[in-house]
Amino acid sequence: DAFACYASPRIMHQPLVNNCNFNLLDSLRDAFNNE
């Protein structure tokens, strides 16, 4: 939020992770045996 409100240029310093419901373990589980 500080970068959004005060920084110039108005760009991000690093990616913003938005969705706290994302589950890495679910993604890894889906990746197993995925051609």
Full PDB file with SEQRES, HELIX, SHEET, SSBOND, CRYST1, ORIGX, SCALE, CONECT and MASTER records, all heavy atoms in Angstrom:
SEQRES   1 A   35  ASP ALA PHE ALA CYS TYR ALA SER PRO ARG ILE MET HIS          
SEQRES   2 A   35  GLN PRO LEU VAL ASN ASN CYS ASN PHE ASN LEU LEU ASP          
SEQRES   3 A   35  SER LEU ARG ASP ALA PHE ASN ASN GLU                          
HELIX    1 AA1 ALA A    2  TYR A    6  1                                   5    
HELIX    2 AA2 LEU A   24  ALA A   31  1                                   8    
CRYST1    1.000    1.000    1.000  90.00  90.00  90.00 P 1           1          
ORIGX1      1.000000  0.000000  0.000000        0.00000                         
ORIGX2      0.000000  1.000000  0.000000        0.00000                         
ORIGX3      0.000000  0.000000  1.000000        0.00000                         
SCALE1      1.000000  0.000000  0.000000        0.00000                         
SCALE2      0.000000  1.000000  0.000000        0.00000                         
SCALE3      0.000000  0.000000  1.000000        0.00000                         
ATOM      1  N   ASP A   1       0.838  -1.202   0.000  1.00  0.00           N  
ATOM      2  CA  ASP A   1       0.000   0.000   0.000  1.00  0.00           C  
ATOM      3  C   ASP A   1       0.873   1.253   0.000  1.00  0.00           C  
ATOM      4  O   ASP A   1       0.514   2.265  -0.617  1.00  0.00           O  
ATOM      5  CB  ASP A   1      -0.914  -0.002   1.224  1.00  0.00           C  
ATOM      6  CG  ASP A   1      -1.993  -1.070   1.144  1.00  0.00           C  
ATOM      7  OD1 ASP A   1      -2.130  -1.700   0.077  1.00  0.00           O  
ATOM      8  OD2 ASP A   1      -2.689  -1.288   2.160  1.00  0.00           O  
ATOM      9  N   ALA A   2       2.010   1.203   0.680  1.00  0.00           N  
ATOM     10  CA  ALA A   2       2.911   2.357   0.708  1.00  0.00           C  
ATOM     11  C   ALA A   2       3.480   2.641  -0.680  1.00  0.00           C  
ATOM     12  O   ALA A   2       3.595   3.811  -1.083  1.00  0.00           O  
ATOM     13  CB  ALA A   2       4.040   2.108   1.710  1.00  0.00           C  
ATOM     14  N   PHE A   3       3.832   1.597  -1.432  1.00  0.00           N  
ATOM     15  CA  PHE A   3       4.293   1.808  -2.797  1.00  0.00           C  
ATOM     16  C   PHE A   3       3.172   2.379  -3.664  1.00  0.00           C  
ATOM     17  O   PHE A   3       3.402   3.233  -4.517  1.00  0.00           O  
ATOM     18  CB  PHE A   3       4.820   0.503  -3.396  1.00  0.00           C  
ATOM     19  CG  PHE A   3       6.245   0.214  -3.049  1.00  0.00           C  
ATOM     20  CD1 PHE A   3       6.564  -0.584  -1.968  1.00  0.00           C  
ATOM     21  CD2 PHE A   3       7.282   0.744  -3.793  1.00  0.00           C  
ATOM     22  CE1 PHE A   3       7.876  -0.848  -1.624  1.00  0.00           C  
ATOM     23  CE2 PHE A   3       8.606   0.489  -3.469  1.00  0.00           C  
ATOM     24  CZ  PHE A   3       8.909  -0.305  -2.373  1.00  0.00           C  
ATOM     25  N   ALA A   4       1.941   1.907  -3.450  1.00  0.00           N  
ATOM     26  CA  ALA A   4       0.803   2.397  -4.241  1.00  0.00           C  
ATOM     27  C   ALA A   4       0.512   3.866  -3.959  1.00  0.00           C  
ATOM     28  O   ALA A   4       0.112   4.616  -4.857  1.00  0.00           O  
ATOM     29  CB  ALA A   4      -0.434   1.553  -3.949  1.00  0.00           C  
ATOM     30  N   CYS A   5       0.717   4.293  -2.710  1.00  0.00           N  
ATOM     31  CA  CYS A   5       0.318   5.650  -2.315  1.00  0.00           C  
ATOM     32  C   CYS A   5       1.446   6.670  -2.393  1.00  0.00           C  
ATOM     33  O   CYS A   5       1.182   7.854  -2.628  1.00  0.00           O  
ATOM     34  CB  CYS A   5      -0.231   5.634  -0.885  1.00  0.00           C  
ATOM     35  SG  CYS A   5      -1.755   4.681  -0.681  1.00  0.00           S  
ATOM     36  N   TYR A   6       2.702   6.251  -2.202  1.00  0.00           N  
ATOM     37  CA  TYR A   6       3.779   7.230  -2.044  1.00  0.00           C  
ATOM     38  C   TYR A   6       4.927   7.100  -3.035  1.00  0.00           C  
ATOM     39  O   TYR A   6       5.707   8.036  -3.200  1.00  0.00           O  
ATOM     40  CB  TYR A   6       4.358   7.134  -0.624  1.00  0.00           C  
ATOM     41  CG  TYR A   6       3.389   7.549   0.445  1.00  0.00           C  
ATOM     42  CD1 TYR A   6       2.756   6.590   1.245  1.00  0.00           C  
ATOM     43  CD2 TYR A   6       3.095   8.894   0.670  1.00  0.00           C  
ATOM     44  CE1 TYR A   6       1.858   6.962   2.239  1.00  0.00           C  
ATOM     45  CE2 TYR A   6       2.196   9.276   1.649  1.00  0.00           C  
ATOM     46  CZ  TYR A   6       1.583   8.303   2.435  1.00  0.00           C  
ATOM     47  OH  TYR A   6       0.689   8.683   3.408  1.00  0.00           O  
ATOM     48  N   ALA A   7       5.104   5.937  -3.673  1.00  0.00           N  
ATOM     49  CA  ALA A   7       6.279   5.728  -4.507  1.00  0.00           C  
ATOM     50  C   ALA A   7       6.154   6.417  -5.862  1.00  0.00           C  
ATOM     51  O   ALA A   7       5.058   6.613  -6.389  1.00  0.00           O  
ATOM     52  CB  ALA A   7       6.514   4.231  -4.708  1.00  0.00           C  
ATOM     53  N   SER A   8       7.296   6.776  -6.403  1.00  0.00           N  
ATOM     54  CA  SER A   8       7.361   7.313  -7.759  1.00  0.00           C  
ATOM     55  C   SER A   8       8.600   6.712  -8.429  1.00  0.00           C  
ATOM     56  O   SER A   8       9.716   6.890  -7.925  1.00  0.00           O  
ATOM     57  CB  SER A   8       7.466   8.843  -7.730  1.00  0.00           C  
ATOM     58  OG  SER A   8       7.533   9.363  -9.030  1.00  0.00           O  
ATOM     59  N   PRO A   9       8.444   5.954  -9.516  1.00  0.00           N  
ATOM     60  CA  PRO A   9       7.203   5.679 -10.235  1.00  0.00           C  
ATOM     61  C   PRO A   9       6.274   4.756  -9.435  1.00  0.00           C  
ATOM     62  O   PRO A   9       6.723   4.052  -8.531  1.00  0.00           O  
ATOM     63  CB  PRO A   9       7.679   4.975 -11.507  1.00  0.00           C  
ATOM     64  CG  PRO A   9       8.959   4.321 -11.100  1.00  0.00           C  
ATOM     65  CD  PRO A   9       9.604   5.268 -10.137  1.00  0.00           C  
ATOM     66  N   ARG A  10       5.011   4.776  -9.813  1.00  0.00           N  
ATOM     67  CA  ARG A  10       3.993   4.017  -9.096  1.00  0.00           C  
ATOM     68  C   ARG A  10       3.939   2.593  -9.631  1.00  0.00           C  
ATOM     69  O   ARG A  10       3.018   2.194 -10.329  1.00  0.00           O  
ATOM     70  CB  ARG A  10       2.637   4.712  -9.231  1.00  0.00           C  
ATOM     71  CG  ARG A  10       1.646   4.332  -8.146  1.00  0.00           C  
ATOM     72  CD  ARG A  10       0.387   5.157  -8.258  1.00  0.00           C  
ATOM     73  NE  ARG A  10      -0.515   4.944  -7.135  1.00  0.00           N  
ATOM     74  CZ  ARG A  10      -1.704   5.525  -7.028  1.00  0.00           C  
ATOM     75  NH1 ARG A  10      -2.127   6.358  -7.968  1.00  0.00           N  
ATOM     76  NH2 ARG A  10      -2.470   5.283  -5.980  1.00  0.00           N  
ATOM     77  N   ILE A  11       4.965   1.856  -9.295  1.00  0.00           N  
ATOM     78  CA  ILE A  11       5.044   0.445  -9.678  1.00  0.00           C  
ATOM     79  C   ILE A  11       5.427  -0.353  -8.437  1.00  0.00           C  
ATOM     80  O   ILE A  11       5.870   0.197  -7.434  1.00  0.00           O  
ATOM     81  CB  ILE A  11       6.049   0.201 -10.826  1.00  0.00           C  
ATOM     82  CG1 ILE A  11       7.457   0.643 -10.405  1.00  0.00           C  
ATOM     83  CG2 ILE A  11       5.604   0.921 -12.087  1.00  0.00           C  
ATOM     84  CD1 ILE A  11       8.513   0.385 -11.457  1.00  0.00           C  
ATOM     85  N   MET A  12       5.270  -1.667  -8.511  1.00  0.00           N  
ATOM     86  CA  MET A  12       5.503  -2.526  -7.355  1.00  0.00           C  
ATOM     87  C   MET A  12       6.979  -2.880  -7.216  1.00  0.00           C  
ATOM     88  O   MET A  12       7.695  -3.010  -8.213  1.00  0.00           O  
ATOM     89  CB  MET A  12       4.674  -3.799  -7.459  1.00  0.00           C  
ATOM     90  CG  MET A  12       3.175  -3.560  -7.376  1.00  0.00           C  
ATOM     91  SD  MET A  12       2.253  -5.115  -7.584  1.00  0.00           S  
ATOM     92  CE  MET A  12       0.565  -4.528  -7.348  1.00  0.00           C  
ATOM     93  N   HIS A  13       7.410  -3.054  -5.981  1.00  0.00           N  
ATOM     94  CA  HIS A  13       8.788  -3.473  -5.720  1.00  0.00           C  
ATOM     95  C   HIS A  13       8.956  -4.978  -5.895  1.00  0.00           C  
ATOM     96  O   HIS A  13      10.050  -5.469  -6.179  1.00  0.00           O  
ATOM     97  CB  HIS A  13       9.204  -3.068  -4.308  1.00  0.00           C  
ATOM     98  CG  HIS A  13       8.474  -3.775  -3.214  1.00  0.00           C  
ATOM     99  ND1 HIS A  13       7.097  -3.697  -3.060  1.00  0.00           N  
ATOM    100  CD2 HIS A  13       8.911  -4.593  -2.203  1.00  0.00           C  
ATOM    101  CE1 HIS A  13       6.730  -4.415  -2.024  1.00  0.00           C  
ATOM    102  NE2 HIS A  13       7.808  -4.968  -1.488  1.00  0.00           N  
ATOM    103  N   GLN A  14       7.875  -5.717  -5.713  1.00  0.00           N  
ATOM    104  CA  GLN A  14       7.854  -7.162  -5.893  1.00  0.00           C  
ATOM    105  C   GLN A  14       6.402  -7.567  -6.103  1.00  0.00           C  
ATOM    106  O   GLN A  14       5.493  -6.772  -5.864  1.00  0.00           O  
ATOM    107  CB  GLN A  14       8.447  -7.889  -4.684  1.00  0.00           C  
ATOM    108  CG  GLN A  14       7.632  -7.738  -3.410  1.00  0.00           C  
ATOM    109  CD  GLN A  14       8.268  -8.432  -2.220  1.00  0.00           C  
ATOM    110  OE1 GLN A  14       9.492  -8.563  -2.146  1.00  0.00           O  
ATOM    111  NE2 GLN A  14       7.451  -8.880  -1.274  1.00  0.00           N  
ATOM    112  N   PRO A  15       6.144  -8.793  -6.552  1.00  0.00           N  
ATOM    113  CA  PRO A  15       4.753  -9.191  -6.789  1.00  0.00           C  
ATOM    114  C   PRO A  15       3.917  -9.124  -5.518  1.00  0.00           C  
ATOM    115  O   PRO A  15       4.391  -9.414  -4.419  1.00  0.00           O  
ATOM    116  CB  PRO A  15       4.870 -10.634  -7.295  1.00  0.00           C  
ATOM    117  CG  PRO A  15       6.248 -10.724  -7.847  1.00  0.00           C  
ATOM    118  CD  PRO A  15       7.096  -9.834  -6.999  1.00  0.00           C  
ATOM    119  N   LEU A  16       2.669  -8.751  -5.679  1.00  0.00           N  
ATOM    120  CA  LEU A  16       1.702  -8.728  -4.584  1.00  0.00           C  
ATOM    121  C   LEU A  16       0.930 -10.040  -4.617  1.00  0.00           C  
ATOM    122  O   LEU A  16       0.350 -10.403  -5.640  1.00  0.00           O  
ATOM    123  CB  LEU A  16       0.764  -7.532  -4.752  1.00  0.00           C  
ATOM    124  CG  LEU A  16      -0.254  -7.219  -3.643  1.00  0.00           C  
ATOM    125  CD1 LEU A  16      -0.690  -5.752  -3.757  1.00  0.00           C  
ATOM    126  CD2 LEU A  16      -1.490  -8.100  -3.727  1.00  0.00           C  
ATOM    127  N   VAL A  17       0.944 -10.755  -3.513  1.00  0.00           N  
ATOM    128  CA  VAL A  17       0.168 -11.986  -3.391  1.00  0.00           C  
ATOM    129  C   VAL A  17      -1.196 -11.600  -2.850  1.00  0.00           C  
ATOM    130  O   VAL A  17      -1.312 -11.111  -1.725  1.00  0.00           O  
ATOM    131  CB  VAL A  17       0.861 -13.008  -2.481  1.00  0.00           C  
ATOM    132  CG1 VAL A  17       0.004 -14.258  -2.340  1.00  0.00           C  
ATOM    133  CG2 VAL A  17       2.233 -13.361  -3.039  1.00  0.00           C  
ATOM    134  N   ASN A  18      -2.231 -11.828  -3.660  1.00  0.00           N  
ATOM    135  CA  ASN A  18      -3.556 -11.279  -3.353  1.00  0.00           C  
ATOM    136  C   ASN A  18      -4.482 -12.263  -2.679  1.00  0.00           C  
ATOM    137  O   ASN A  18      -5.245 -11.894  -1.804  1.00  0.00           O  
ATOM    138  CB  ASN A  18      -4.214 -10.775  -4.644  1.00  0.00           C  
ATOM    139  CG  ASN A  18      -5.624 -10.255  -4.421  1.00  0.00           C  
ATOM    140  OD1 ASN A  18      -5.833  -9.342  -3.637  1.00  0.00           O  
ATOM    141  ND2 ASN A  18      -6.589 -10.837  -5.128  1.00  0.00           N  
ATOM    142  N   ASN A  19      -4.437 -13.518  -3.073  1.00  0.00           N  
ATOM    143  CA  ASN A  19      -5.463 -14.464  -2.619  1.00  0.00           C  
ATOM    144  C   ASN A  19      -4.921 -15.354  -1.524  1.00  0.00           C  
ATOM    145  O   ASN A  19      -4.127 -16.265  -1.771  1.00  0.00           O  
ATOM    146  CB  ASN A  19      -5.952 -15.317  -3.800  1.00  0.00           C  
ATOM    147  CG  ASN A  19      -7.254 -16.026  -3.468  1.00  0.00           C  
ATOM    148  OD1 ASN A  19      -7.570 -16.256  -2.312  1.00  0.00           O  
ATOM    149  ND2 ASN A  19      -8.007 -16.362  -4.491  1.00  0.00           N  
ATOM    150  N   CYS A  20      -5.348 -15.102  -0.287  1.00  0.00           N  
ATOM    151  CA  CYS A  20      -4.866 -15.906   0.839  1.00  0.00           C  
ATOM    152  C   CYS A  20      -5.452 -17.313   0.819  1.00  0.00           C  
ATOM    153  O   CYS A  20      -5.031 -18.177   1.586  1.00  0.00           O  
ATOM    154  CB  CYS A  20      -5.202 -15.223   2.161  1.00  0.00           C  
ATOM    155  SG  CYS A  20      -6.968 -14.985   2.442  1.00  0.00           S  
ATOM    156  N   ASN A  21      -6.429 -17.578  -0.055  1.00  0.00           N  
ATOM    157  CA  ASN A  21      -7.029 -18.915  -0.128  1.00  0.00           C  
ATOM    158  C   ASN A  21      -6.216 -19.870  -1.003  1.00  0.00           C  
ATOM    159  O   ASN A  21      -6.480 -21.055  -1.054  1.00  0.00           O  
ATOM    160  CB  ASN A  21      -8.461 -18.826  -0.677  1.00  0.00           C  
ATOM    161  CG  ASN A  21      -9.389 -18.106   0.285  1.00  0.00           C  
ATOM    162  OD1 ASN A  21      -9.284 -18.255   1.490  1.00  0.00           O  
ATOM    163  ND2 ASN A  21     -10.286 -17.306  -0.267  1.00  0.00           N  
ATOM    164  N   PHE A  22      -5.215 -19.301  -1.716  1.00  0.00           N  
ATOM    165  CA  PHE A  22      -4.388 -20.151  -2.562  1.00  0.00           C  
ATOM    166  C   PHE A  22      -3.605 -21.141  -1.692  1.00  0.00           C  
ATOM    167  O   PHE A  22      -3.034 -20.773  -0.673  1.00  0.00           O  
ATOM    168  CB  PHE A  22      -3.418 -19.301  -3.380  1.00  0.00           C  
ATOM    169  CG  PHE A  22      -2.361 -20.105  -4.082  1.00  0.00           C  
ATOM    170  CD1 PHE A  22      -2.680 -20.863  -5.184  1.00  0.00           C  
ATOM    171  CD2 PHE A  22      -1.064 -20.099  -3.613  1.00  0.00           C  
ATOM    172  CE1 PHE A  22      -1.718 -21.606  -5.832  1.00  0.00           C  
ATOM    173  CE2 PHE A  22      -0.082 -20.838  -4.248  1.00  0.00           C  
ATOM    174  CZ  PHE A  22      -0.410 -21.590  -5.364  1.00  0.00           C  
ATOM    175  N   ASN A  23      -3.574 -22.370  -2.103  1.00  0.00           N  
ATOM    176  CA  ASN A  23      -2.912 -23.414  -1.329  1.00  0.00           C  
ATOM    177  C   ASN A  23      -1.847 -24.088  -2.190  1.00  0.00           C  
ATOM    178  O   ASN A  23      -2.155 -24.753  -3.179  1.00  0.00           O  
ATOM    179  CB  ASN A  23      -3.935 -24.453  -0.860  1.00  0.00           C  
ATOM    180  CG  ASN A  23      -3.349 -25.404   0.163  1.00  0.00           C  
ATOM    181  OD1 ASN A  23      -2.234 -25.878   0.009  1.00  0.00           O  
ATOM    182  ND2 ASN A  23      -4.106 -25.666   1.215  1.00  0.00           N  
ATOM    183  N   LEU A  24      -0.583 -23.859  -1.814  1.00  0.00           N  
ATOM    184  CA  LEU A  24       0.515 -24.436  -2.579  1.00  0.00           C  
ATOM    185  C   LEU A  24       0.448 -25.958  -2.585  1.00  0.00           C  
ATOM    186  O   LEU A  24       0.729 -26.594  -3.600  1.00  0.00           O  
ATOM    187  CB  LEU A  24       1.852 -23.969  -1.993  1.00  0.00           C  
ATOM    188  CG  LEU A  24       3.116 -24.600  -2.586  1.00  0.00           C  
ATOM    189  CD1 LEU A  24       3.204 -24.341  -4.076  1.00  0.00           C  
ATOM    190  CD2 LEU A  24       4.354 -24.074  -1.872  1.00  0.00           C  
ATOM    191  N   LEU A  25       0.053 -26.552  -1.453  1.00  0.00           N  
ATOM    192  CA  LEU A  25      -0.010 -28.008  -1.394  1.00  0.00           C  
ATOM    193  C   LEU A  25      -1.014 -28.565  -2.392  1.00  0.00           C  
ATOM    194  O   LEU A  25      -0.797 -29.618  -2.989  1.00  0.00           O  
ATOM    195  CB  LEU A  25      -0.363 -28.460   0.024  1.00  0.00           C  
ATOM    196  CG  LEU A  25       0.706 -28.211   1.092  1.00  0.00           C  
ATOM    197  CD1 LEU A  25       0.218 -28.684   2.451  1.00  0.00           C  
ATOM    198  CD2 LEU A  25       2.013 -28.903   0.728  1.00  0.00           C  
ATOM    199  N   ASP A  26      -2.122 -27.839  -2.584  1.00  0.00           N  
ATOM    200  CA  ASP A  26      -3.093 -28.272  -3.590  1.00  0.00           C  
ATOM    201  C   ASP A  26      -2.471 -28.235  -4.980  1.00  0.00           C  
ATOM    202  O   ASP A  26      -2.700 -29.131  -5.806  1.00  0.00           O  
ATOM    203  CB  ASP A  26      -4.335 -27.379  -3.548  1.00  0.00           C  
ATOM    204  CG  ASP A  26      -5.184 -27.632  -2.312  1.00  0.00           C  
ATOM    205  OD1 ASP A  26      -5.035 -28.708  -1.693  1.00  0.00           O  
ATOM    206  OD2 ASP A  26      -5.983 -26.750  -1.955  1.00  0.00           O  
ATOM    207  N   SER A  27      -1.699 -27.193  -5.252  1.00  0.00           N  
ATOM    208  CA  SER A  27      -1.061 -27.078  -6.564  1.00  0.00           C  
ATOM    209  C   SER A  27      -0.048 -28.191  -6.776  1.00  0.00           C  
ATOM    210  O   SER A  27       0.035 -28.773  -7.866  1.00  0.00           O  
ATOM    211  CB  SER A  27      -0.370 -25.711  -6.697  1.00  0.00           C  
ATOM    212  OG  SER A  27      -1.315 -24.676  -6.716  1.00  0.00           O  
ATOM    213  N   LEU A  28       0.723 -28.510  -5.750  1.00  0.00           N  
ATOM    214  CA  LEU A  28       1.695 -29.595  -5.874  1.00  0.00           C  
ATOM    215  C   LEU A  28       0.994 -30.931  -6.057  1.00  0.00           C  
ATOM    216  O   LEU A  28       1.434 -31.780  -6.838  1.00  0.00           O  
ATOM    217  CB  LEU A  28       2.594 -29.630  -4.646  1.00  0.00           C  
ATOM    218  CG  LEU A  28       3.564 -28.461  -4.482  1.00  0.00           C  
ATOM    219  CD1 LEU A  28       4.341 -28.596  -3.189  1.00  0.00           C  
ATOM    220  CD2 LEU A  28       4.516 -28.375  -5.662  1.00  0.00           C  
ATOM    221  N   ARG A  29      -0.110 -31.112  -5.336  1.00  0.00           N  
ATOM    222  CA  ARG A  29      -0.876 -32.343  -5.481  1.00  0.00           C  
ATOM    223  C   ARG A  29      -1.402 -32.490  -6.917  1.00  0.00           C  
ATOM    224  O   ARG A  29      -1.348 -33.573  -7.508  1.00  0.00           O  
ATOM    225  CB  ARG A  29      -2.031 -32.349  -4.479  1.00  0.00           C  
ATOM    226  CG  ARG A  29      -2.769 -33.678  -4.393  1.00  0.00           C  
ATOM    227  CD  ARG A  29      -3.883 -33.617  -3.364  1.00  0.00           C  
ATOM    228  NE  ARG A  29      -3.375 -33.329  -2.034  1.00  0.00           N  
ATOM    229  CZ  ARG A  29      -3.582 -32.193  -1.382  1.00  0.00           C  
ATOM    230  NH1 ARG A  29      -4.311 -31.243  -1.929  1.00  0.00           N  
ATOM    231  NH2 ARG A  29      -3.090 -32.014  -0.176  1.00  0.00           N  
ATOM    232  N   ASP A  30      -1.875 -31.396  -7.474  1.00  0.00           N  
ATOM    233  CA  ASP A  30      -2.379 -31.418  -8.849  1.00  0.00           C  
ATOM    234  C   ASP A  30      -1.254 -31.641  -9.856  1.00  0.00           C  
ATOM    235  O   ASP A  30      -1.479 -32.147 -10.958  1.00  0.00           O  
ATOM    236  CB  ASP A  30      -3.104 -30.108  -9.172  1.00  0.00           C  
ATOM    237  CG  ASP A  30      -4.386 -29.936  -8.373  1.00  0.00           C  
ATOM    238  OD1 ASP A  30      -4.903 -30.948  -7.860  1.00  0.00           O  
ATOM    239  OD2 ASP A  30      -4.858 -28.798  -8.246  1.00  0.00           O  
ATOM    240  N   ALA A  31      -0.034 -31.242  -9.467  1.00  0.00           N  
ATOM    241  CA  ALA A  31       1.090 -31.368 -10.400  1.00  0.00           C  
ATOM    242  C   ALA A  31       1.612 -32.793 -10.493  1.00  0.00           C  
ATOM    243  O   ALA A  31       2.238 -33.163 -11.489  1.00  0.00           O  
ATOM    244  CB  ALA A  31       2.219 -30.427  -9.971  1.00  0.00           C  
ATOM    245  N   PHE A  32       1.359 -33.611  -9.482  1.00  0.00           N  
ATOM    246  CA  PHE A  32       1.873 -34.972  -9.507  1.00  0.00           C  
ATOM    247  C   PHE A  32       1.265 -35.762 -10.655  1.00  0.00           C  
ATOM    248  O   PHE A  32       0.052 -35.768 -10.862  1.00  0.00           O  
ATOM    249  CB  PHE A  32       1.584 -35.684  -8.179  1.00  0.00           C  
ATOM    250  CG  PHE A  32       1.972 -37.138  -8.204  1.00  0.00           C  
ATOM    251  CD1 PHE A  32       3.296 -37.506  -8.274  1.00  0.00           C  
ATOM    252  CD2 PHE A  32       0.996 -38.129  -8.198  1.00  0.00           C  
ATOM    253  CE1 PHE A  32       3.667 -38.843  -8.310  1.00  0.00           C  
ATOM    254  CE2 PHE A  32       1.351 -39.466  -8.236  1.00  0.00           C  
ATOM    255  CZ  PHE A  32       2.697 -39.830  -8.302  1.00  0.00           C  
ATOM    256  N   ASN A  33       2.129 -36.423 -11.413  1.00  0.00           N  
ATOM    257  CA  ASN A  33       1.731 -37.256 -12.552  1.00  0.00           C  
ATOM    258  C   ASN A  33       0.950 -36.463 -13.602  1.00  0.00           C  
ATOM    259  O   ASN A  33       0.103 -37.015 -14.299  1.00  0.00           O  
ATOM    260  CB  ASN A  33       0.904 -38.458 -12.079  1.00  0.00           C  
ATOM    261  CG  ASN A  33       1.045 -39.641 -13.027  1.00  0.00           C  
ATOM    262  OD1 ASN A  33       1.986 -39.712 -13.812  1.00  0.00           O  
ATOM    263  ND2 ASN A  33       0.099 -40.558 -12.964  1.00  0.00           N  
ATOM    264  N   ASN A  34       1.252 -35.158 -13.691  1.00  0.00           N  
ATOM    265  CA  ASN A  34       0.620 -34.290 -14.691  1.00  0.00           C  
ATOM    266  C   ASN A  34       1.576 -34.149 -15.867  1.00  0.00           C  
ATOM    267  O   ASN A  34       2.608 -33.477 -15.781  1.00  0.00           O  
ATOM    268  CB  ASN A  34       0.314 -32.920 -14.075  1.00  0.00           C  
ATOM    269  CG  ASN A  34      -0.464 -32.018 -15.017  1.00  0.00           C  
ATOM    270  OD1 ASN A  34      -0.326 -32.097 -16.236  1.00  0.00           O  
ATOM    271  ND2 ASN A  34      -1.288 -31.163 -14.451  1.00  0.00           N  
ATOM    272  N   GLU A  35       1.242 -34.762 -16.965  1.00  0.00           N  
ATOM    273  CA  GLU A  35       2.122 -34.774 -18.131  1.00  0.00           C  
ATOM    274  C   GLU A  35       2.338 -33.378 -18.698  1.00  0.00           C  
ATOM    275  O   GLU A  35       3.377 -33.076 -19.287  1.00  0.00           O  
ATOM    276  CB  GLU A  35       1.555 -35.695 -19.204  1.00  0.00           C  
ATOM    277  CG  GLU A  35       2.488 -35.935 -20.377  1.00  0.00           C  
ATOM    278  CD  GLU A  35       1.963 -36.977 -21.329  1.00  0.00           C  
ATOM    279  OE1 GLU A  35       0.835 -37.488 -21.096  1.00  0.00           O  
ATOM    280  OE2 GLU A  35       2.665 -37.289 -22.302  1.00  0.00           O  
TER     281      GLU A  35                                                      
MASTER        0    0    0    2    0    0    0    6  280    1    0    3          
END                                                                             
